[in-house]
Amino acid sequence: MLHPLVFLTIEKGKKKKKLIYMKRMKKLPPILYVTNEGRRVYEFHAIINKRQIVEIHIDPHYEEEHGDYMNDEIIYNFAFELEKEELWKSEERKGEWEYYSVHSLFRGDWRAYEMPWCLKDRANFLGIRSCYRRSKYDKEH
């Protein structure tokens, strides 16, 4: 499944919003292992916030309310879109963890998704906390 890679900046008042479209779906690699907390770990090579990332840890929390339209493969592919921004600003810091959220992720249509994620100090993995629809960021259709 191919999706156009397009970066748009929309100005609403003084706010600018970047809409990110998925380039193409990559096949989900085999699970490397499952953490004690139940997070599924996959091989994942990317540079995010100037850090070399080699694994992605996907929390199964999203399955409870969003499992009918979301899965690990979609999340895995959305995570590659984090490379498109050179430096993301964290929304919160707790101890050795920094928490982020990316809005306005699209899978090739007008539906927007939000993906909260995190990075741990001195660790080389990306943590995905959830991923879900956010209709307030939908494009007009």
Protein backbone atom coordinates (compact mmCIF):
# COMPACT_ATOMS: atom_id res chain seq x y z
CA MET A 1 0.00 0.00 0.00
CA LEU A 2 1.52 3.31 -1.06
CA HIS A 3 0.78 6.66 0.51
CA PRO A 4 2.10 9.99 -0.71
CA LEU A 5 4.77 11.62 1.41
CA VAL A 6 3.64 15.24 1.68
CA PHE A 7 4.52 17.93 4.18
CA LEU A 8 2.04 20.77 4.39
CA THR A 9 2.06 23.74 6.68
CA ILE A 10 -1.38 25.10 7.47
CA GLU A 11 -1.68 28.49 9.07
CA LYS A 12 -4.61 29.01 11.40
CA GLY A 13 -4.27 32.37 13.03
CA LYS A 14 -0.71 32.42 14.29
CA LYS A 15 -0.42 28.65 14.66
CA LYS A 16 1.34 26.54 12.07
CA LYS A 17 0.65 22.85 11.85
CA LYS A 18 2.65 20.27 9.95
CA LEU A 19 0.65 17.39 8.51
CA ILE A 20 2.62 14.21 8.01
CA TYR A 21 1.63 11.58 5.47
CA MET A 22 2.98 8.07 5.51
CA LYS A 23 5.32 7.29 2.60
CA ARG A 24 4.69 3.57 2.22
CA MET A 25 3.86 0.66 4.47
CA LYS A 26 6.87 -1.38 5.57
CA LYS A 27 6.39 -4.99 6.57
CA LEU A 28 6.45 -5.50 10.32
CA PRO A 29 9.53 -7.53 11.30
CA PRO A 30 9.25 -10.52 13.65
CA ILE A 31 8.94 -9.79 17.37
CA LEU A 32 12.36 -9.85 19.03
CA TYR A 33 10.90 -10.35 22.52
CA VAL A 34 8.12 -9.25 24.85
CA THR A 35 8.99 -7.23 27.95
CA ASN A 36 7.77 -8.16 31.43
CA GLU A 37 5.19 -5.36 31.03
CA GLY A 38 3.84 -6.97 27.84
CA ARG A 39 5.38 -4.53 25.38
CA ARG A 40 6.26 -6.06 22.02
CA VAL A 41 9.78 -5.27 20.84
CA TYR A 42 10.77 -5.10 17.17
CA GLU A 43 13.97 -4.24 15.34
CA PHE A 44 13.75 -0.61 14.24
CA HIS A 45 16.51 1.50 12.74
CA ALA A 46 16.03 5.26 12.75
CA ILE A 47 17.54 8.54 13.91
CA ILE A 48 15.11 10.31 16.23
CA ASN A 49 16.06 13.46 18.14
CA LYS A 50 19.64 12.95 16.95
CA ARG A 51 19.74 9.51 18.61
CA GLN A 52 20.41 6.17 16.96
CA ILE A 53 17.36 3.98 17.64
CA VAL A 54 17.61 0.21 17.11
CA GLU A 55 14.38 -1.08 18.72
CA ILE A 56 10.78 -0.03 19.03
CA HIS A 57 8.74 -1.06 22.09
CA ILE A 58 5.00 -1.00 21.40
CA ASP A 59 2.70 -1.00 24.40
CA PRO A 60 -0.43 -3.14 23.82
CA HIS A 61 -2.58 -0.56 25.65
CA TYR A 62 -4.00 0.74 22.35
CA GLU A 63 -5.68 -2.63 21.66
CA GLU A 64 -8.26 -2.14 24.42
CA GLU A 65 -10.05 0.78 22.77
CA HIS A 66 -8.44 1.13 19.34
CA GLY A 67 -7.61 -2.42 18.28
CA ASP A 68 -10.43 -2.50 15.71
CA TYR A 69 -8.58 -0.02 13.45
CA MET A 70 -5.00 0.12 14.81
CA ASN A 71 -2.25 -2.50 14.87
CA ASP A 72 1.50 -2.84 15.43
CA GLU A 73 2.29 -2.58 11.71
CA ILE A 74 0.55 0.79 11.36
CA ILE A 75 2.26 2.07 14.52
CA TYR A 76 5.63 0.76 13.29
CA ASN A 77 5.19 2.70 10.06
CA PHE A 78 3.99 5.86 11.78
CA ALA A 79 7.14 5.71 13.96
CA PHE A 80 9.37 6.14 10.91
CA GLU A 81 7.69 9.49 10.33
CA LEU A 82 9.39 10.75 13.51
CA GLU A 83 12.62 10.95 11.49
CA LYS A 84 11.10 13.74 9.39
CA GLU A 85 11.56 16.24 12.23
CA GLU A 86 15.18 16.92 13.21
CA LEU A 87 14.41 17.65 16.86
CA TRP A 88 11.11 17.06 18.65
CA LYS A 89 10.37 19.06 21.78
CA SER A 90 9.24 16.95 24.72
CA GLU A 91 5.91 17.71 26.35
CA GLU A 92 6.96 16.35 29.73
CA ARG A 93 9.93 14.90 31.56
CA LYS A 94 9.71 12.41 34.44
CA GLY A 95 13.05 11.21 35.80
CA GLU A 96 14.98 9.63 32.94
CA TRP A 97 11.99 9.62 30.55
CA GLU A 98 10.94 12.26 28.03
CA TYR A 99 7.37 12.14 26.71
CA TYR A 100 6.23 13.37 23.31
CA SER A 101 3.16 13.27 21.13
CA VAL A 102 2.84 13.69 17.40
CA HIS A 103 -0.48 14.89 15.99
CA SER A 104 -1.75 14.89 12.47
CA LEU A 105 -0.34 11.59 11.24
CA PHE A 106 -2.19 10.37 8.15
CA ARG A 107 -2.33 7.00 6.38
CA GLY A 108 -3.12 8.48 2.98
CA ASP A 109 -6.63 9.76 3.52
CA TRP A 110 -8.29 12.52 5.55
CA ARG A 111 -8.28 10.69 8.92
CA ALA A 112 -5.79 11.99 11.50
CA TYR A 113 -4.05 9.95 14.19
CA GLU A 114 -2.13 10.86 17.32
CA MET A 115 0.80 8.85 18.65
CA PRO A 116 2.21 9.46 22.15
CA TRP A 117 5.81 8.21 22.41
CA CYS A 118 8.78 8.38 24.74
CA LEU A 119 12.56 8.19 24.93
CA LYS A 120 14.63 7.08 27.90
CA ASP A 121 17.97 8.69 28.72
CA ARG A 122 20.96 6.69 27.47
CA ALA A 123 18.71 4.07 25.83
CA ASN A 124 18.54 3.23 22.13
CA PHE A 125 14.87 2.31 21.84
CA LEU A 126 11.71 4.20 21.00
CA GLY A 127 8.69 3.62 23.24
CA ILE A 128 5.22 3.90 21.74
CA ARG A 129 2.59 4.42 24.39
CA SER A 130 -0.50 4.35 22.15
CA CYS A 131 -1.89 5.40 18.77
CA TYR A 132 -5.45 6.45 18.03
CA ARG A 133 -7.76 8.52 15.84
CA ARG A 134 -7.96 12.26 16.51
CA SER A 135 -10.86 13.65 14.50
CA LYS A 136 -10.11 17.24 15.58
CA TYR A 137 -7.02 17.08 13.32
CA ASP A 138 -8.85 15.55 10.31
CA LYS A 139 -8.45 17.22 6.95
CA GLU A 140 -11.54 18.57 5.24
CA HIS A 141 -12.99 16.02 2.86
